[in-house]
């Protein structure tokens, strides 16, 4: 799991914003993305929050990237 303390906070905000922006660009709802990524809607909602305080694994990050049809680098 990724630790949100210290200097990782800005990275999490950037990743959260990128996930949300790409999802919207692809005309996907949070429900659709959550289902495709194999995570709950509430989990995705927390990840997409501007003040994301939910840690998540790299595995989940890759699942979200796959569900969005983008290289994981686009989320970083």
PDB file of N, CA and C in Angstrom:
ATOM      1  N   UNK A   1       0.835  -1.179   0.000  1.00  0.00           N
ATOM      2  CA  UNK A   1       0.000   0.000   0.000  1.00  0.00           C
ATOM      3  C   UNK A   1       0.882   1.245   0.000  1.00  0.00           C
ATOM      4  N   UNK A   2       0.363   2.279  -0.597  1.00  0.00           N
ATOM      5  CA  UNK A   2       1.098   3.534  -0.667  1.00  0.00           C
ATOM      6  C   UNK A   2       0.754   4.370   0.548  1.00  0.00           C
ATOM      7  N   UNK A   3       1.766   4.971   1.152  1.00  0.00           N
ATOM      8  CA  UNK A   3       1.578   5.807   2.322  1.00  0.00           C
ATOM      9  C   UNK A   3       1.247   7.223   1.880  1.00  0.00           C
ATOM     10  N   UNK A   4       0.187   7.795   2.463  1.00  0.00           N
ATOM     11  CA  UNK A   4      -0.233   9.140   2.086  1.00  0.00           C
ATOM     12  C   UNK A   4       0.466  10.223   2.877  1.00  0.00           C
ATOM     13  N   UNK A   5       1.295   9.870   3.802  1.00  0.00           N
ATOM     14  CA  UNK A   5       1.939  10.877   4.624  1.00  0.00           C
ATOM     15  C   UNK A   5       3.073  11.556   3.869  1.00  0.00           C
ATOM     16  N   UNK A   6       3.474  12.664   4.405  1.00  0.00           N
ATOM     17  CA  UNK A   6       4.627  13.363   3.862  1.00  0.00           C
ATOM     18  C   UNK A   6       4.402  13.920   2.480  1.00  0.00           C
ATOM     19  N   UNK A   7       5.397  13.779   1.622  1.00  0.00           N
ATOM     20  CA  UNK A   7       5.378  14.420   0.314  1.00  0.00           C
ATOM     21  C   UNK A   7       4.614  13.646  -0.749  1.00  0.00           C
ATOM     22  N   UNK A   8       3.902  12.604  -0.393  1.00  0.00           N
ATOM     23  CA  UNK A   8       3.127  11.840  -1.371  1.00  0.00           C
ATOM     24  C   UNK A   8       1.740  12.445  -1.595  1.00  0.00           C
ATOM     25  N   UNK A   9       1.347  13.356  -0.742  1.00  0.00           N
ATOM     26  CA  UNK A   9       0.010  13.928  -0.824  1.00  0.00           C
ATOM     27  C   UNK A   9      -0.262  14.581  -2.176  1.00  0.00           C
ATOM     28  N   UNK A  10       0.689  15.348  -2.681  1.00  0.00           N
ATOM     29  CA  UNK A  10       0.508  16.010  -3.978  1.00  0.00           C
ATOM     30  C   UNK A  10       0.403  15.000  -5.116  1.00  0.00           C
ATOM     31  N   UNK A  11       1.174  13.939  -5.039  1.00  0.00           N
ATOM     32  CA  UNK A  11       1.115  12.896  -6.070  1.00  0.00           C
ATOM     33  C   UNK A  11      -0.264  12.240  -6.075  1.00  0.00           C
ATOM     34  N   UNK A  12      -0.812  11.977  -4.900  1.00  0.00           N
ATOM     35  CA  UNK A  12      -2.134  11.369  -4.818  1.00  0.00           C
ATOM     36  C   UNK A  12      -3.194  12.298  -5.386  1.00  0.00           C
ATOM     37  N   UNK A  13      -3.086  13.592  -5.118  1.00  0.00           N
ATOM     38  CA  UNK A  13      -4.038  14.557  -5.668  1.00  0.00           C
ATOM     39  C   UNK A  13      -3.965  14.565  -7.191  1.00  0.00           C
ATOM     40  N   UNK A  14      -2.756  14.521  -7.730  1.00  0.00           N
ATOM     41  CA  UNK A  14      -2.561  14.521  -9.180  1.00  0.00           C
ATOM     42  C   UNK A  14      -3.150  13.253  -9.803  1.00  0.00           C
ATOM     43  N   UNK A  15      -2.872  12.108  -9.194  1.00  0.00           N
ATOM     44  CA  UNK A  15      -3.388  10.830  -9.701  1.00  0.00           C
ATOM     45  C   UNK A  15      -4.912  10.828  -9.648  1.00  0.00           C
ATOM     46  N   UNK A  16      -5.468  11.289  -8.542  1.00  0.00           N
ATOM     47  CA  UNK A  16      -6.927  11.349  -8.392  1.00  0.00           C
ATOM     48  C   UNK A  16      -7.550  12.211  -9.480  1.00  0.00           C
ATOM     49  N   UNK A  17      -6.951  13.370  -9.713  1.00  0.00           N
ATOM     50  CA  UNK A  17      -7.452  14.297 -10.736  1.00  0.00           C
ATOM     51  C   UNK A  17      -7.348  13.665 -12.123  1.00  0.00           C
ATOM     52  N   UNK A  18      -6.236  13.008 -12.406  1.00  0.00           N
ATOM     53  CA  UNK A  18      -6.040  12.378 -13.711  1.00  0.00           C
ATOM     54  C   UNK A  18      -7.050  11.257 -13.960  1.00  0.00           C
ATOM     55  N   UNK A  19      -7.293  10.439 -12.946  1.00  0.00           N
ATOM     56  CA  UNK A  19      -8.277   9.357 -13.085  1.00  0.00           C
ATOM     57  C   UNK A  19      -9.641   9.950 -13.420  1.00  0.00           C
ATOM     58  N   UNK A  20     -10.051  10.947 -12.662  1.00  0.00           N
ATOM     59  CA  UNK A  20     -11.362  11.560 -12.874  1.00  0.00           C
ATOM     60  C   UNK A  20     -11.453  12.216 -14.250  1.00  0.00           C
ATOM     61  N   UNK A  21     -10.438  12.974 -14.632  1.00  0.00           N
ATOM     62  CA  UNK A  21     -10.466  13.674 -15.912  1.00  0.00           C
ATOM     63  C   UNK A  21     -10.521  12.703 -17.092  1.00  0.00           C
ATOM     64  N   UNK A  22      -9.729  11.642 -17.047  1.00  0.00           N
ATOM     65  CA  UNK A  22      -9.727  10.661 -18.136  1.00  0.00           C
ATOM     66  C   UNK A  22     -11.060   9.924 -18.180  1.00  0.00           C
ATOM     67  N   UNK A  23     -11.597   9.590 -17.014  1.00  0.00           N
ATOM     68  CA  UNK A  23     -12.907   8.919 -16.969  1.00  0.00           C
ATOM     69  C   UNK A  23     -13.979   9.790 -17.631  1.00  0.00           C
ATOM     70  N   UNK A  24     -13.970  11.070 -17.310  1.00  0.00           N
ATOM     71  CA  UNK A  24     -14.956  11.996 -17.885  1.00  0.00           C
ATOM     72  C   UNK A  24     -14.740  12.147 -19.392  1.00  0.00           C
ATOM     73  N   UNK A  25     -13.480  12.258 -19.823  1.00  0.00           N
ATOM     74  CA  UNK A  25     -13.169  12.354 -21.256  1.00  0.00           C
ATOM     75  C   UNK A  25     -13.704  11.156 -22.028  1.00  0.00           C
ATOM     76  N   UNK A  26     -13.716  10.004 -21.377  1.00  0.00           N
ATOM     77  CA  UNK A  26     -14.167   8.769 -22.020  1.00  0.00           C
ATOM     78  C   UNK A  26     -15.658   8.529 -21.789  1.00  0.00           C
ATOM     79  N   UNK A  27     -16.344   9.547 -21.253  1.00  0.00           N
ATOM     80  CA  UNK A  27     -17.791   9.475 -21.010  1.00  0.00           C
ATOM     81  C   UNK A  27     -18.188   8.260 -20.182  1.00  0.00           C
ATOM     82  N   UNK A  28     -17.400   7.984 -19.158  1.00  0.00           N
ATOM     83  CA  UNK A  28     -17.696   6.864 -18.273  1.00  0.00           C
ATOM     84  C   UNK A  28     -18.204   7.401 -16.942  1.00  0.00           C
ATOM     85  N   UNK A  29     -19.163   6.708 -16.376  1.00  0.00           N
ATOM     86  CA  UNK A  29     -19.604   7.041 -15.026  1.00  0.00           C
ATOM     87  C   UNK A  29     -18.647   6.394 -14.027  1.00  0.00           C
ATOM     88  N   UNK A  30     -18.725   6.845 -12.795  1.00  0.00           N
ATOM     89  CA  UNK A  30     -17.920   6.199 -11.763  1.00  0.00           C
ATOM     90  C   UNK A  30     -18.317   4.736 -11.631  1.00  0.00           C
ATOM     91  N   UNK A  31     -19.609   4.461 -11.744  1.00  0.00           N
ATOM     92  CA  UNK A  31     -20.091   3.082 -11.629  1.00  0.00           C
ATOM     93  C   UNK A  31     -19.482   2.202 -12.713  1.00  0.00           C
ATOM     94  N   UNK A  32     -19.458   2.696 -13.953  1.00  0.00           N
ATOM     95  CA  UNK A  32     -18.884   1.922 -15.059  1.00  0.00           C
ATOM     96  C   UNK A  32     -17.405   1.650 -14.829  1.00  0.00           C
ATOM     97  N   UNK A  33     -16.661   2.673 -14.434  1.00  0.00           N
ATOM     98  CA  UNK A  33     -15.230   2.481 -14.205  1.00  0.00           C
ATOM     99  C   UNK A  33     -14.988   1.524 -13.051  1.00  0.00           C
ATOM    100  N   UNK A  34     -15.739   1.683 -11.978  1.00  0.00           N
ATOM    101  CA  UNK A  34     -15.573   0.791 -10.826  1.00  0.00           C
ATOM    102  C   UNK A  34     -15.809  -0.658 -11.224  1.00  0.00           C
ATOM    103  N   UNK A  35     -16.872  -0.904 -11.982  1.00  0.00           N
ATOM    104  CA  UNK A  35     -17.173  -2.271 -12.411  1.00  0.00           C
ATOM    105  C   UNK A  35     -16.065  -2.833 -13.297  1.00  0.00           C
ATOM    106  N   UNK A  36     -15.595  -2.020 -14.249  1.00  0.00           N
ATOM    107  CA  UNK A  36     -14.538  -2.481 -15.161  1.00  0.00           C
ATOM    108  C   UNK A  36     -13.218  -2.721 -14.429  1.00  0.00           C
ATOM    109  N   UNK A  37     -12.968  -1.935 -13.394  1.00  0.00           N
ATOM    110  CA  UNK A  37     -11.716  -2.074 -12.641  1.00  0.00           C
ATOM    111  C   UNK A  37     -11.825  -3.123 -11.531  1.00  0.00           C
ATOM    112  N   UNK A  38     -13.025  -3.587 -11.268  1.00  0.00           N
ATOM    113  CA  UNK A  38     -13.217  -4.606 -10.235  1.00  0.00           C
ATOM    114  C   UNK A  38     -13.119  -4.067  -8.820  1.00  0.00           C
ATOM    115  N   UNK A  39     -13.529  -2.803  -8.641  1.00  0.00           N
ATOM    116  CA  UNK A  39     -13.522  -2.205  -7.306  1.00  0.00           C
ATOM    117  C   UNK A  39     -14.914  -1.647  -7.025  1.00  0.00           C
ATOM    118  N   UNK A  40     -15.171  -1.329  -5.773  1.00  0.00           N
ATOM    119  CA  UNK A  40     -16.482  -0.792  -5.424  1.00  0.00           C
ATOM    120  C   UNK A  40     -16.603   0.672  -5.834  1.00  0.00           C
ATOM    121  N   UNK A  41     -17.837   1.097  -6.025  1.00  0.00           N
ATOM    122  CA  UNK A  41     -18.104   2.489  -6.358  1.00  0.00           C
ATOM    123  C   UNK A  41     -17.620   3.418  -5.242  1.00  0.00           C
ATOM    124  N   UNK A  42     -17.843   3.039  -3.999  1.00  0.00           N
ATOM    125  CA  UNK A  42     -17.412   3.894  -2.883  1.00  0.00           C
ATOM    126  C   UNK A  42     -15.889   4.010  -2.832  1.00  0.00           C
ATOM    127  N   UNK A  43     -15.192   2.944  -3.173  1.00  0.00           N
ATOM    128  CA  UNK A  43     -13.723   2.971  -3.198  1.00  0.00           C
ATOM    129  C   UNK A  43     -13.235   3.936  -4.285  1.00  0.00           C
ATOM    130  N   UNK A  44     -13.818   3.826  -5.490  1.00  0.00           N
ATOM    131  CA  UNK A  44     -13.430   4.725  -6.572  1.00  0.00           C
ATOM    132  C   UNK A  44     -13.762   6.173  -6.219  1.00  0.00           C
ATOM    133  N   UNK A  45     -14.906   6.399  -5.615  1.00  0.00           N
ATOM    134  CA  UNK A  45     -15.290   7.758  -5.219  1.00  0.00           C
ATOM    135  C   UNK A  45     -14.259   8.360  -4.285  1.00  0.00           C
ATOM    136  N   UNK A  46     -13.784   7.566  -3.349  1.00  0.00           N
ATOM    137  CA  UNK A  46     -12.765   8.057  -2.406  1.00  0.00           C
ATOM    138  C   UNK A  46     -11.446   8.328  -3.112  1.00  0.00           C
ATOM    139  N   UNK A  47     -11.095   7.478  -4.070  1.00  0.00           N
ATOM    140  CA  UNK A  47      -9.855   7.681  -4.827  1.00  0.00           C
ATOM    141  C   UNK A  47      -9.933   8.975  -5.640  1.00  0.00           C
ATOM    142  N   UNK A  48     -11.108   9.266  -6.214  1.00  0.00           N
ATOM    143  CA  UNK A  48     -11.267  10.445  -7.059  1.00  0.00           C
ATOM    144  C   UNK A  48     -11.450  11.753  -6.283  1.00  0.00           C
ATOM    145  N   UNK A  49     -11.669  11.686  -4.987  1.00  0.00           N
ATOM    146  CA  UNK A  49     -11.860  12.909  -4.205  1.00  0.00           C
ATOM    147  C   UNK A  49     -10.637  13.806  -4.322  1.00  0.00           C
ATOM    148  N   UNK A  50     -10.890  15.111  -4.371  1.00  0.00           N
ATOM    149  CA  UNK A  50      -9.798  16.078  -4.511  1.00  0.00           C
ATOM    150  C   UNK A  50      -8.818  15.980  -3.340  1.00  0.00           C
ATOM    151  N   UNK A  51      -9.308  15.659  -2.174  1.00  0.00           N
ATOM    152  CA  UNK A  51      -8.440  15.487  -1.005  1.00  0.00           C
ATOM    153  C   UNK A  51      -8.341  14.006  -0.685  1.00  0.00           C
ATOM    154  N   UNK A  52      -7.978  13.250  -1.683  1.00  0.00           N
ATOM    155  CA  UNK A  52      -7.883  11.789  -1.561  1.00  0.00           C
ATOM    156  C   UNK A  52      -7.103  11.403  -0.305  1.00  0.00           C
ATOM    157  N   UNK A  53      -7.775  10.667   0.566  1.00  0.00           N
ATOM    158  CA  UNK A  53      -7.097  10.179   1.763  1.00  0.00           C
ATOM    159  C   UNK A  53      -7.168   8.662   1.834  1.00  0.00           C
ATOM    160  N   UNK A  54      -7.444   8.060   0.709  1.00  0.00           N
ATOM    161  CA  UNK A  54      -7.566   6.605   0.630  1.00  0.00           C
ATOM    162  C   UNK A  54      -6.322   6.042  -0.039  1.00  0.00           C
ATOM    163  N   UNK A  55      -5.584   5.228   0.671  1.00  0.00           N
ATOM    164  CA  UNK A  55      -4.427   4.598   0.048  1.00  0.00           C
ATOM    165  C   UNK A  55      -4.921   3.457  -0.830  1.00  0.00           C
ATOM    166  N   UNK A  56      -4.189   3.194  -1.894  1.00  0.00           N
ATOM    167  CA  UNK A  56      -4.546   2.090  -2.768  1.00  0.00           C
ATOM    168  C   UNK A  56      -3.281   1.488  -3.344  1.00  0.00           C
ATOM    169  N   UNK A  57      -3.386   0.242  -3.710  1.00  0.00           N
ATOM    170  CA  UNK A  57      -2.221  -0.496  -4.177  1.00  0.00           C
ATOM    171  C   UNK A  57      -1.907  -0.171  -5.632  1.00  0.00           C
ATOM    172  N   UNK A  58      -0.713  -0.517  -6.034  1.00  0.00           N
ATOM    173  CA  UNK A  58      -0.338  -0.384  -7.444  1.00  0.00           C
ATOM    174  C   UNK A  58      -1.209  -1.286  -8.306  1.00  0.00           C
ATOM    175  N   UNK A  59      -1.609  -2.410  -7.750  1.00  0.00           N
ATOM    176  CA  UNK A  59      -2.491  -3.332  -8.462  1.00  0.00           C
ATOM    177  C   UNK A  59      -3.787  -2.616  -8.854  1.00  0.00           C
ATOM    178  N   UNK A  60      -4.372  -1.877  -7.926  1.00  0.00           N
ATOM    179  CA  UNK A  60      -5.604  -1.132  -8.202  1.00  0.00           C
ATOM    180  C   UNK A  60      -5.337  -0.047  -9.236  1.00  0.00           C
ATOM    181  N   UNK A  61      -4.209   0.625  -9.130  1.00  0.00           N
ATOM    182  CA  UNK A  61      -3.860   1.663 -10.101  1.00  0.00           C
ATOM    183  C   UNK A  61      -3.772   1.077 -11.514  1.00  0.00           C
ATOM    184  N   UNK A  62      -3.139  -0.071 -11.650  1.00  0.00           N
ATOM    185  CA  UNK A  62      -3.046  -0.732 -12.959  1.00  0.00           C
ATOM    186  C   UNK A  62      -4.421  -1.195 -13.444  1.00  0.00           C
ATOM    187  N   UNK A  63      -5.267  -1.684 -12.536  1.00  0.00           N
ATOM    188  CA  UNK A  63      -6.624  -2.093 -12.913  1.00  0.00           C
ATOM    189  C   UNK A  63      -7.431  -0.912 -13.427  1.00  0.00           C
ATOM    190  N   UNK A  64      -7.285   0.245 -12.778  1.00  0.00           N
ATOM    191  CA  UNK A  64      -7.991   1.446 -13.222  1.00  0.00           C
ATOM    192  C   UNK A  64      -7.477   1.878 -14.588  1.00  0.00           C
ATOM    193  N   UNK A  65      -6.169   1.878 -14.770  1.00  0.00           N
ATOM    194  CA  UNK A  65      -5.587   2.245 -16.071  1.00  0.00           C
ATOM    195  C   UNK A  65      -6.104   1.316 -17.169  1.00  0.00           C
ATOM    196  N   UNK A  66      -6.120   0.023 -16.915  1.00  0.00           N
ATOM    197  CA  UNK A  66      -6.631  -0.942 -17.896  1.00  0.00           C
ATOM    198  C   UNK A  66      -8.096  -0.668 -18.208  1.00  0.00           C
ATOM    199  N   UNK A  67      -8.890  -0.398 -17.179  1.00  0.00           N
ATOM    200  CA  UNK A  67     -10.318  -0.135 -17.368  1.00  0.00           C
ATOM    201  C   UNK A  67     -10.548   1.140 -18.180  1.00  0.00           C
ATOM    202  N   UNK A  68      -9.643   2.098 -18.036  1.00  0.00           N
ATOM    203  CA  UNK A  68      -9.735   3.346 -18.800  1.00  0.00           C
ATOM    204  C   UNK A  68      -9.125   3.207 -20.195  1.00  0.00           C
ATOM    205  N   UNK A  69      -8.390   2.137 -20.424  1.00  0.00           N
ATOM    206  CA  UNK A  69      -7.754   1.917 -21.722  1.00  0.00           C
ATOM    207  C   UNK A  69      -6.555   2.818 -21.945  1.00  0.00           C
ATOM    208  N   UNK A  70      -5.844   3.136 -20.871  1.00  0.00           N
ATOM    209  CA  UNK A  70      -4.664   3.997 -20.977  1.00  0.00           C
ATOM    210  C   UNK A  70      -3.467   3.341 -20.303  1.00  0.00           C
ATOM    211  N   UNK A  71      -2.294   3.792 -20.672  1.00  0.00           N
ATOM    212  CA  UNK A  71      -1.074   3.353 -19.996  1.00  0.00           C
ATOM    213  C   UNK A  71      -1.080   3.963 -18.602  1.00  0.00           C
ATOM    214  N   UNK A  72      -0.645   3.213 -17.642  1.00  0.00           N
ATOM    215  CA  UNK A  72      -0.649   3.685 -16.254  1.00  0.00           C
ATOM    216  C   UNK A  72       0.116   4.999 -16.092  1.00  0.00           C
ATOM    217  N   UNK A  73       1.083   5.255 -16.956  1.00  0.00           N
ATOM    218  CA  UNK A  73       1.862   6.500 -16.890  1.00  0.00           C
ATOM    219  C   UNK A  73       0.980   7.738 -17.052  1.00  0.00           C
ATOM    220  N   UNK A  74      -0.134   7.604 -17.777  1.00  0.00           N
ATOM    221  CA  UNK A  74      -1.047   8.733 -17.971  1.00  0.00           C
ATOM    222  C   UNK A  74      -1.745   9.129 -16.676  1.00  0.00           C
ATOM    223  N   UNK A  75      -1.793   8.231 -15.726  1.00  0.00           N
ATOM    224  CA  UNK A  75      -2.426   8.528 -14.453  1.00  0.00           C
ATOM    225  C   UNK A  75      -1.473   9.212 -13.482  1.00  0.00           C
ATOM    226  N   UNK A  76      -0.187   9.070 -13.747  1.00  0.00           N
ATOM    227  CA  UNK A  76       0.815   9.651 -12.847  1.00  0.00           C
ATOM    228  C   UNK A  76       1.096  11.054 -13.177  1.00  0.00           C
TER     229      UNK A  76
END
